């Protein structure tokens, strides 16, 4: 269960939006304003569904990077599954018309950062576990 890549969650959320399950119009629900907070400066700060999806992905990216510091056999499976998630993002971005959106592209880049950081952190931490006499 701990090897499941968490960045599959924003992928599923985005695809639910493409399927029309999250509301929105022809462009999808990503510009849909969830809430607005008036600021002291007089401006208004709005959170859209696309912004919230990216925020969730960034929080999950942090958790994924923390998971990559483990040095066990499960980390190999975790990296393999993260690679599959990245490939799924990439294939959908290239082949699905509705995925040609800036929110999905940012999610794709977050998945790429997860993939590269996971391998880099694991290699770095595994190097510290090796001791030479």
C-alpha atoms as a PDB file:
ATOM      1  CA  UNK A   1       0.000   0.000   0.000  1.00  0.00           C
ATOM      2  CA  UNK A   2       2.880   2.373   0.761  1.00  0.00           C
ATOM      3  CA  UNK A   3       4.296   1.808  -2.731  1.00  0.00           C
ATOM      4  CA  UNK A   4       1.263   3.288  -4.464  1.00  0.00           C
ATOM      5  CA  UNK A   5       2.343   6.543  -6.135  1.00  0.00           C
ATOM      6  CA  UNK A   6       0.230   9.329  -4.650  1.00  0.00           C
ATOM      7  CA  UNK A   7       0.461  11.450  -7.794  1.00  0.00           C
ATOM      8  CA  UNK A   8      -2.134   9.152  -9.316  1.00  0.00           C
ATOM      9  CA  UNK A   9      -4.712  11.112  -7.258  1.00  0.00           C
ATOM     10  CA  UNK A  10      -4.418  14.389  -9.258  1.00  0.00           C
ATOM     11  CA  UNK A  11      -4.386  12.292 -12.441  1.00  0.00           C
ATOM     12  CA  UNK A  12      -7.697  10.747 -11.444  1.00  0.00           C
ATOM     13  CA  UNK A  13      -9.133  14.138 -10.412  1.00  0.00           C
ATOM     14  CA  UNK A  14      -8.210  15.623 -13.784  1.00  0.00           C
ATOM     15  CA  UNK A  15      -9.748  12.710 -15.663  1.00  0.00           C
ATOM     16  CA  UNK A  16     -12.938  13.021 -13.623  1.00  0.00           C
ATOM     17  CA  UNK A  17     -13.052  16.636 -14.781  1.00  0.00           C
ATOM     18  CA  UNK A  18     -12.541  15.560 -18.399  1.00  0.00           C
ATOM     19  CA  UNK A  19     -15.396  13.091 -18.040  1.00  0.00           C
ATOM     20  CA  UNK A  20     -17.642  15.940 -16.886  1.00  0.00           C
ATOM     21  CA  UNK A  21     -18.065  14.583 -13.360  1.00  0.00           C
ATOM     22  CA  UNK A  22     -16.782  17.767 -11.723  1.00  0.00           C
ATOM     23  CA  UNK A  23     -19.021  20.195 -13.611  1.00  0.00           C
ATOM     24  CA  UNK A  24     -17.754  23.008 -15.769  1.00  0.00           C
ATOM     25  CA  UNK A  25     -18.281  23.792 -19.428  1.00  0.00           C
ATOM     26  CA  UNK A  26     -16.590  22.725 -22.635  1.00  0.00           C
ATOM     27  CA  UNK A  27     -13.163  23.807 -21.338  1.00  0.00           C
ATOM     28  CA  UNK A  28     -13.587  21.666 -18.244  1.00  0.00           C
ATOM     29  CA  UNK A  29     -14.067  22.705 -14.649  1.00  0.00           C
ATOM     30  CA  UNK A  30     -10.538  24.060 -14.115  1.00  0.00           C
ATOM     31  CA  UNK A  31     -11.470  27.756 -14.253  1.00  0.00           C
ATOM     32  CA  UNK A  32     -14.382  27.214 -11.865  1.00  0.00           C
ATOM     33  CA  UNK A  33     -13.915  29.493  -8.832  1.00  0.00           C
ATOM     34  CA  UNK A  34     -14.263  27.588  -5.566  1.00  0.00           C
ATOM     35  CA  UNK A  35     -13.979  30.554  -3.216  1.00  0.00           C
ATOM     36  CA  UNK A  36     -12.833  34.169  -3.131  1.00  0.00           C
ATOM     37  CA  UNK A  37     -11.175  35.936  -0.205  1.00  0.00           C
ATOM     38  CA  UNK A  38     -11.036  39.739  -0.063  1.00  0.00           C
ATOM     39  CA  UNK A  39      -7.523  40.932   0.728  1.00  0.00           C
ATOM     40  CA  UNK A  40      -6.439  43.908   2.812  1.00  0.00           C
ATOM     41  CA  UNK A  41      -5.005  45.484  -0.341  1.00  0.00           C
ATOM     42  CA  UNK A  42      -8.506  45.701  -1.790  1.00  0.00           C
ATOM     43  CA  UNK A  43      -7.953  42.922  -4.296  1.00  0.00           C
ATOM     44  CA  UNK A  44      -9.683  39.572  -4.313  1.00  0.00           C
ATOM     45  CA  UNK A  45      -7.858  36.250  -4.197  1.00  0.00           C
ATOM     46  CA  UNK A  46      -9.712  33.401  -5.881  1.00  0.00           C
ATOM     47  CA  UNK A  47      -9.008  29.677  -5.755  1.00  0.00           C
ATOM     48  CA  UNK A  48     -10.060  27.730  -8.840  1.00  0.00           C
ATOM     49  CA  UNK A  49     -10.444  23.980  -9.100  1.00  0.00           C
ATOM     50  CA  UNK A  50      -7.323  23.874 -11.266  1.00  0.00           C
ATOM     51  CA  UNK A  51      -5.351  25.746  -8.605  1.00  0.00           C
ATOM     52  CA  UNK A  52      -6.597  23.357  -5.916  1.00  0.00           C
ATOM     53  CA  UNK A  53      -5.643  20.332  -8.018  1.00  0.00           C
ATOM     54  CA  UNK A  54      -2.110  21.691  -8.459  1.00  0.00           C
ATOM     55  CA  UNK A  55      -1.878  22.441  -4.726  1.00  0.00           C
ATOM     56  CA  UNK A  56      -2.918  18.872  -3.897  1.00  0.00           C
ATOM     57  CA  UNK A  57      -0.304  17.561  -6.355  1.00  0.00           C
ATOM     58  CA  UNK A  58       2.449  19.679  -4.751  1.00  0.00           C
ATOM     59  CA  UNK A  59       1.578  18.395  -1.266  1.00  0.00           C
ATOM     60  CA  UNK A  60       1.587  14.828  -2.575  1.00  0.00           C
ATOM     61  CA  UNK A  61       4.932  15.502  -4.288  1.00  0.00           C
ATOM     62  CA  UNK A  62       6.406  16.374  -0.903  1.00  0.00           C
ATOM     63  CA  UNK A  63       5.101  13.103   0.554  1.00  0.00           C
ATOM     64  CA  UNK A  64       6.480  11.179  -2.431  1.00  0.00           C
ATOM     65  CA  UNK A  65       9.931  12.722  -1.963  1.00  0.00           C
ATOM     66  CA  UNK A  66       9.845  11.776   1.714  1.00  0.00           C
ATOM     67  CA  UNK A  67       8.886   8.223   0.705  1.00  0.00           C
ATOM     68  CA  UNK A  68      11.863   8.063  -1.652  1.00  0.00           C
ATOM     69  CA  UNK A  69      14.302   8.391   1.259  1.00  0.00           C
ATOM     70  CA  UNK A  70      13.497   4.835   2.297  1.00  0.00           C
ATOM     71  CA  UNK A  71      16.167   2.326   1.409  1.00  0.00           C
ATOM     72  CA  UNK A  72      14.370  -0.964   1.000  1.00  0.00           C
ATOM     73  CA  UNK A  73      13.282  -3.338  -1.719  1.00  0.00           C
ATOM     74  CA  UNK A  74       9.886  -1.597  -1.772  1.00  0.00           C
ATOM     75  CA  UNK A  75      11.525   1.602  -3.024  1.00  0.00           C
ATOM     76  CA  UNK A  76      12.363  -0.118  -6.320  1.00  0.00           C
ATOM     77  CA  UNK A  77       8.685  -0.941  -6.827  1.00  0.00           C
ATOM     78  CA  UNK A  78       7.781   2.613  -5.823  1.00  0.00           C
ATOM     79  CA  UNK A  79      10.115   4.028  -8.496  1.00  0.00           C
ATOM     80  CA  UNK A  80       8.754   1.646 -11.099  1.00  0.00           C
ATOM     81  CA  UNK A  81       5.165   2.671 -10.335  1.00  0.00           C
ATOM     82  CA  UNK A  82       6.133   6.357 -10.381  1.00  0.00           C
ATOM     83  CA  UNK A  83       7.595   5.787 -13.830  1.00  0.00           C
ATOM     84  CA  UNK A  84       4.296   4.266 -14.978  1.00  0.00           C
ATOM     85  CA  UNK A  85       2.385   7.252 -13.590  1.00  0.00           C
ATOM     86  CA  UNK A  86       4.665   9.676 -15.437  1.00  0.00           C
ATOM     87  CA  UNK A  87       4.266   7.707 -18.676  1.00  0.00           C
ATOM     88  CA  UNK A  88       0.474   7.782 -18.217  1.00  0.00           C
ATOM     89  CA  UNK A  89       0.605  11.580 -17.785  1.00  0.00           C
ATOM     90  CA  UNK A  90       2.817  11.946 -20.858  1.00  0.00           C
ATOM     91  CA  UNK A  91       0.718   9.689 -23.084  1.00  0.00           C
ATOM     92  CA  UNK A  92      -2.500  11.404 -22.058  1.00  0.00           C
ATOM     93  CA  UNK A  93      -0.974  14.849 -22.601  1.00  0.00           C
ATOM     94  CA  UNK A  94       0.134  13.904 -26.107  1.00  0.00           C
ATOM     95  CA  UNK A  95      -2.943  11.951 -27.209  1.00  0.00           C
ATOM     96  CA  UNK A  96      -6.034  13.313 -25.410  1.00  0.00           C
ATOM     97  CA  UNK A  97      -7.442  16.617 -26.632  1.00  0.00           C
ATOM     98  CA  UNK A  98      -8.815  17.635 -23.206  1.00  0.00           C
ATOM     99  CA  UNK A  99      -5.422  17.107 -21.574  1.00  0.00           C
ATOM    100  CA  UNK A 100      -3.909  19.929 -23.628  1.00  0.00           C
ATOM    101  CA  UNK A 101      -4.431  22.288 -20.702  1.00  0.00           C
ATOM    102  CA  UNK A 102      -1.984  24.210 -18.544  1.00  0.00           C
ATOM    103  CA  UNK A 103      -3.235  22.508 -15.359  1.00  0.00           C
ATOM    104  CA  UNK A 104      -2.511  19.082 -16.822  1.00  0.00           C
ATOM    105  CA  UNK A 105       0.884  20.217 -18.113  1.00  0.00           C
ATOM    106  CA  UNK A 106       1.851  21.421 -14.620  1.00  0.00           C
ATOM    107  CA  UNK A 107       0.699  18.063 -13.201  1.00  0.00           C
ATOM    108  CA  UNK A 108       2.877  16.361 -15.841  1.00  0.00           C
ATOM    109  CA  UNK A 109       5.901  18.410 -14.758  1.00  0.00           C
ATOM    110  CA  UNK A 110       5.191  17.587 -11.090  1.00  0.00           C
ATOM    111  CA  UNK A 111       5.149  13.874 -12.011  1.00  0.00           C
ATOM    112  CA  UNK A 112       8.478  14.340 -13.824  1.00  0.00           C
ATOM    113  CA  UNK A 113       9.990  16.065 -10.776  1.00  0.00           C
ATOM    114  CA  UNK A 114       8.717  13.184  -8.617  1.00  0.00           C
ATOM    115  CA  UNK A 115      10.348  10.666 -10.929  1.00  0.00           C
ATOM    116  CA  UNK A 116      13.726  12.423 -11.134  1.00  0.00           C
ATOM    117  CA  UNK A 117      13.786  13.385  -7.439  1.00  0.00           C
ATOM    118  CA  UNK A 118      12.815   9.882  -6.366  1.00  0.00           C
ATOM    119  CA  UNK A 119      15.686   8.304  -8.258  1.00  0.00           C
ATOM    120  CA  UNK A 120      18.138  11.032  -7.213  1.00  0.00           C
ATOM    121  CA  UNK A 121      17.274  10.880  -3.518  1.00  0.00           C
ATOM    122  CA  UNK A 122      17.377   7.080  -3.511  1.00  0.00           C
ATOM    123  CA  UNK A 123      20.753   6.961  -5.213  1.00  0.00           C
ATOM    124  CA  UNK A 124      22.121   9.609  -2.854  1.00  0.00           C
ATOM    125  CA  UNK A 125      20.791   7.926   0.293  1.00  0.00           C
ATOM    126  CA  UNK A 126      21.882   4.468  -0.886  1.00  0.00           C
ATOM    127  CA  UNK A 127      25.405   5.808  -1.364  1.00  0.00           C
ATOM    128  CA  UNK A 128      25.491   6.804   2.282  1.00  0.00           C
ATOM    129  CA  UNK A 129      24.476   3.298   3.356  1.00  0.00           C
ATOM    130  CA  UNK A 130      27.524   1.776   1.685  1.00  0.00           C
ATOM    131  CA  UNK A 131      30.653   1.679   3.812  1.00  0.00           C
ATOM    132  CA  UNK A 132      34.131   0.789   2.684  1.00  0.00           C
ATOM    133  CA  UNK A 133      36.887  -0.450   4.979  1.00  0.00           C
END
